[in-house]
Protein backbone atom coordinates (compact mmCIF):
# COMPACT_ATOMS: atom_id res chain seq x y z
CA UNK A 1 121.29 86.17 66.63
CA UNK A 2 119.99 89.67 66.04
CA UNK A 3 117.06 91.43 67.71
CA UNK A 4 115.29 94.32 65.98
CA UNK A 5 112.59 96.28 67.82
CA UNK A 6 109.53 97.50 65.91
CA UNK A 7 107.38 98.38 68.92
CA UNK A 8 108.00 98.82 72.64
CA UNK A 9 105.24 101.15 73.91
CA UNK A 10 103.14 99.98 76.83
CA UNK A 11 99.34 99.82 76.56
CA UNK A 12 98.82 101.83 73.36
CA UNK A 13 100.98 103.40 70.65
CA UNK A 14 102.47 106.79 71.38
CA UNK A 15 102.76 109.45 68.67
CA UNK A 16 104.91 107.85 65.95
CA UNK A 17 105.29 104.83 68.21
CA UNK A 18 104.11 101.23 68.26
CA UNK A 19 103.34 98.51 70.77
CA UNK A 20 105.24 95.29 71.36
CA UNK A 21 106.84 93.80 68.24
CA UNK A 22 110.29 92.26 67.95
CA UNK A 23 112.11 90.46 65.15
CA UNK A 24 114.62 87.76 66.07
CA UNK A 25 116.89 86.61 63.26
CA UNK A 26 118.77 83.36 63.77
CA UNK A 27 119.85 80.40 61.60
CA UNK A 28 118.46 82.22 58.57
CA UNK A 29 114.98 82.46 60.13
CA UNK A 30 112.99 85.63 60.75
CA UNK A 31 110.83 85.11 63.83
CA UNK A 32 108.42 87.82 64.92
CA UNK A 33 107.58 88.10 68.62
CA UNK A 34 104.23 89.83 69.11
CA UNK A 35 102.57 92.28 66.74
CA UNK A 36 100.99 95.05 68.80
CA UNK A 37 99.07 98.09 67.65
CA UNK A 38 101.01 100.27 65.21
CA UNK A 39 103.82 97.79 64.64
CA UNK A 40 102.93 96.47 61.17
CA UNK A 41 103.80 99.79 59.55
CA UNK A 42 107.14 100.00 61.39
CA UNK A 43 108.00 96.41 60.45
CA UNK A 44 107.21 96.84 56.76
CA UNK A 45 109.65 99.74 56.45
CA UNK A 46 112.35 97.10 56.87
CA UNK A 47 110.86 93.71 55.98
CA UNK A 48 107.94 92.54 53.83
CA UNK A 49 105.37 90.48 55.72
CA UNK A 50 105.88 87.69 53.20
CA UNK A 51 109.46 87.20 54.44
CA UNK A 52 108.45 86.25 57.97
CA UNK A 53 109.20 82.61 58.78
CA UNK A 54 107.18 82.41 62.01
CA UNK A 55 105.12 84.59 64.35
CA UNK A 56 104.86 84.11 68.11
CA UNK A 57 102.11 85.83 70.11
CA UNK A 58 102.61 85.95 73.87
CA UNK A 59 99.00 86.79 74.79
CA UNK A 60 95.78 88.18 73.40
CA UNK A 61 95.89 91.80 74.48
CA UNK A 62 95.76 94.20 71.55
CA UNK A 63 99.03 95.89 72.44
CA UNK A 64 100.59 92.50 71.67
CA UNK A 65 98.52 91.10 68.80
CA UNK A 66 96.29 93.86 67.41
CA UNK A 67 98.24 94.29 64.16
CA UNK A 68 98.18 90.57 63.48
CA UNK A 69 94.74 91.18 61.98
CA UNK A 70 96.18 93.91 59.72
CA UNK A 71 98.93 91.55 58.63
CA UNK A 72 96.40 88.85 57.83
CA UNK A 73 94.35 91.19 55.66
CA UNK A 74 97.49 92.37 53.85
CA UNK A 75 98.61 88.81 53.12
CA UNK A 76 95.12 87.85 51.93
CA UNK A 77 95.21 90.79 49.54
CA UNK A 78 98.57 89.75 48.12
CA UNK A 79 97.23 86.25 47.54
CA UNK A 80 94.11 87.65 45.86
CA UNK A 81 96.38 89.53 43.45
CA UNK A 82 98.09 86.31 42.47
CA UNK A 83 101.06 85.89 44.81
CA UNK A 84 101.75 82.28 45.78
CA UNK A 85 102.17 82.51 49.55
CA UNK A 86 102.81 79.69 51.99
CA UNK A 87 100.99 79.80 55.34
CA UNK A 88 103.12 81.39 58.07
CA UNK A 89 103.48 79.28 61.24
CA UNK A 90 101.69 81.15 64.03
CA UNK A 91 102.34 80.16 67.66
CA UNK A 92 99.53 81.66 69.73
CA UNK A 93 97.38 80.97 72.82
CA UNK A 94 93.97 79.39 72.27
CA UNK A 95 91.82 81.81 70.29
CA UNK A 96 88.27 82.79 71.21
CA UNK A 97 85.71 82.18 68.48
CA UNK A 98 85.62 85.75 67.18
CA UNK A 99 89.41 85.85 66.73
CA UNK A 100 89.51 82.36 65.24
CA UNK A 101 86.94 83.38 62.65
CA UNK A 102 89.20 86.26 61.61
CA UNK A 103 92.64 84.63 61.79
CA UNK A 104 92.11 80.98 60.90
CA UNK A 105 90.61 81.41 57.43
CA UNK A 106 92.14 81.34 53.94
CA UNK A 107 95.30 79.46 55.03
CA UNK A 108 97.23 82.63 55.80
CA UNK A 109 98.52 81.17 59.05
CA UNK A 110 99.42 77.65 60.16
CA UNK A 111 98.09 77.69 63.72
CA UNK A 112 99.98 76.13 66.65
CA UNK A 113 98.14 76.56 69.96
CA UNK A 114 100.70 77.07 72.72
CA UNK A 115 100.43 75.76 76.27
CA UNK A 116 102.64 75.75 79.36
CA UNK A 117 105.74 73.69 78.71
CA UNK A 118 105.04 73.32 75.01
CA UNK A 119 108.19 72.86 72.94
CA UNK A 120 108.67 73.02 69.19
CA UNK A 121 111.59 72.35 66.87
CA UNK A 122 111.38 74.84 64.05
CA UNK A 123 114.08 73.57 61.71
CA UNK A 124 117.25 74.34 63.71
CA UNK A 125 115.53 76.73 66.12
CA UNK A 126 113.92 75.49 69.35
CA UNK A 127 110.98 77.22 71.09
CA UNK A 128 109.86 76.53 74.67
CA UNK A 129 106.86 78.30 76.23
CA UNK A 130 106.15 78.92 79.90
CA UNK A 131 102.94 80.28 81.41
CA UNK A 132 103.45 83.57 83.25
CA UNK A 133 101.24 85.61 85.57
CA UNK A 134 99.09 88.20 83.81
CA UNK A 135 95.47 89.31 83.55
CA UNK A 136 94.79 86.71 80.87
CA UNK A 137 96.55 83.57 79.62
CA UNK A 138 100.08 84.71 78.83
CA UNK A 139 103.39 83.08 77.93
CA UNK A 140 107.06 83.81 77.98
CA UNK A 141 109.27 82.03 75.49
CA UNK A 142 112.84 80.75 75.24
CA UNK A 143 114.32 80.50 71.75
CA UNK A 144 117.50 78.49 71.34
CA UNK A 145 119.75 78.35 68.28
CA UNK A 146 123.40 78.86 67.35
CA UNK A 147 124.37 77.76 70.87
CA UNK A 148 122.55 80.76 72.36
CA UNK A 149 119.27 81.26 74.19
CA UNK A 150 117.06 84.32 73.80
CA UNK A 151 114.27 84.82 76.34
CA UNK A 152 111.17 87.02 76.16
CA UNK A 153 108.99 87.70 79.19
CA UNK A 154 105.77 88.77 77.49
CA UNK A 155 103.63 90.59 80.08
CA UNK A 156 103.86 89.18 83.58
CA UNK A 157 104.11 89.72 87.28
CA UNK A 158 106.74 87.92 89.34
CA UNK A 159 106.14 84.16 89.10
CA UNK A 160 107.90 80.83 88.73
CA UNK A 161 107.35 80.84 84.98
CA UNK A 162 109.24 84.11 84.60
CA UNK A 163 112.36 82.61 86.17
CA UNK A 164 112.06 79.52 83.96
CA UNK A 165 111.97 81.77 80.93
CA UNK A 166 114.94 83.89 81.98
CA UNK A 167 117.21 81.27 83.55
CA UNK A 168 120.75 81.56 82.16
CA UNK A 169 119.63 83.28 78.94
CA UNK A 170 122.20 85.01 76.77
CA UNK A 171 119.68 87.81 76.29
CA UNK A 172 116.45 88.60 78.12
CA UNK A 173 113.86 90.91 76.55
CA UNK A 174 111.80 91.91 79.56
CA UNK A 175 108.89 94.22 80.14
CA UNK A 176 109.82 97.15 82.40
CA UNK A 177 106.53 98.96 82.58
CA UNK A 178 106.87 101.31 85.54
CA UNK A 179 109.16 102.58 88.28
CA UNK A 180 109.26 100.81 91.63
CA UNK A 181 106.65 102.01 94.09
CA UNK A 182 103.91 102.35 91.49
CA UNK A 183 101.91 99.42 92.78
CA UNK A 184 98.62 99.49 90.85
CA UNK A 185 99.82 97.01 88.21
CA UNK A 186 102.44 95.23 90.28
CA UNK A 187 100.69 91.87 90.29
CA UNK A 188 100.64 91.53 86.50
CA UNK A 189 103.46 93.80 85.25
CA UNK A 190 107.09 94.38 86.22
CA UNK A 191 108.87 97.47 87.45
CA UNK A 192 112.29 98.28 86.01
CA UNK A 193 113.82 97.30 89.35
CA UNK A 194 112.06 93.94 89.37
CA UNK A 195 112.99 93.25 85.75
CA UNK A 196 116.63 93.97 86.53
CA UNK A 197 116.58 91.91 89.74
CA UNK A 198 115.01 89.00 87.87
CA UNK A 199 117.70 89.21 85.20
CA UNK A 200 120.44 89.28 87.85
CA UNK A 201 118.99 86.42 89.89
CA UNK A 202 118.43 84.31 86.77
CA UNK A 203 122.01 84.72 85.57
CA UNK A 204 121.07 86.57 82.39
CA UNK A 205 123.96 87.97 80.32
CA UNK A 206 122.06 90.80 78.58
CA UNK A 207 118.92 92.66 79.63
CA UNK A 208 116.83 94.49 77.04
CA UNK A 209 114.05 96.59 78.58
CA UNK A 210 110.74 97.06 76.79
CA UNK A 211 107.00 97.77 77.22
CA UNK A 212 107.42 101.19 78.79
CA UNK A 213 106.09 104.76 78.57
CA UNK A 214 108.68 106.99 76.92
CA UNK A 215 108.24 109.89 79.35
CA UNK A 216 109.58 107.58 82.07
CA UNK A 217 112.39 106.11 80.01
CA UNK A 218 115.39 107.67 81.75
CA UNK A 219 114.00 107.00 85.22
CA UNK A 220 113.36 103.39 84.26
CA UNK A 221 116.86 102.95 82.86
CA UNK A 222 118.48 104.50 85.91
CA UNK A 223 116.44 102.26 88.21
CA UNK A 224 117.37 99.11 86.29
CA UNK A 225 121.07 99.96 86.09
CA UNK A 226 121.30 100.23 89.86
CA UNK A 227 120.76 96.45 89.85
CA UNK A 228 121.90 95.37 86.37
CA UNK A 229 124.51 97.93 85.22
CA UNK A 230 124.50 96.93 81.55
CA UNK A 231 120.72 97.09 81.08
CA UNK A 232 119.68 98.46 77.69
CA UNK A 233 116.50 100.43 77.06
CA UNK A 234 115.23 99.31 73.65
CA UNK A 235 114.46 101.84 70.93
CA UNK A 236 112.04 101.37 68.03
CA UNK A 237 113.74 100.50 64.73
CA UNK A 238 117.02 99.74 66.50
CA UNK A 239 118.88 96.43 66.25
CA UNK A 240 120.87 94.60 68.92
CA UNK A 241 123.32 91.70 68.77
CA UNK A 242 122.37 88.82 71.05
CA UNK A 243 125.20 87.42 73.16
CA UNK A 244 127.56 90.31 72.40
CA UNK A 245 128.28 93.48 74.39
């Protein structure tokens, strides 16, 4: 398994940055986790959209799915110019009408509406989704293949679903939005300390921190490492081996 980060900014893209977007490669599959604002351009520097095997969207905030619309328009254009493209499986929460009208046309995506506890076998890769606590319907996901489990928190506060997602994972990609003591978003986001404590309590082997503001990056990393010494602060356009240190 290999994780490549194409966006990790919280809320909105920073200068030359991008919001949540992560590529997991396993068993020959290229699985994209979220596609936030600014990420499509970063992704396409390394991988054509047509080579994606599946897309997972954790929730319908634009810093997690805004560039999915851009990707859809790009794929439609390629098809209009004669490329024979198969629909890309898209695992996504239930769409409101306006988003459905944009995303569910022209067979660009094969829609799978995710729910709490939903499980899918995608060839030799297994997905399991768990509802987590956020401002809107939101999901974490466990992806199992090659005898390893990769977990992604999405956006969440502390909740039972978060521990189900993280439990025993070989690698845990977890939002680490702010430093402890900044309580305004505490009910629906995680501090670096809480992310690290969750990883430790859940028996996670690797912790990859994401969804943060870069000006806080070193403070966040220091805070997390006080609890989980090997925590890694993700960097855009960097790749990480899952299950290896």
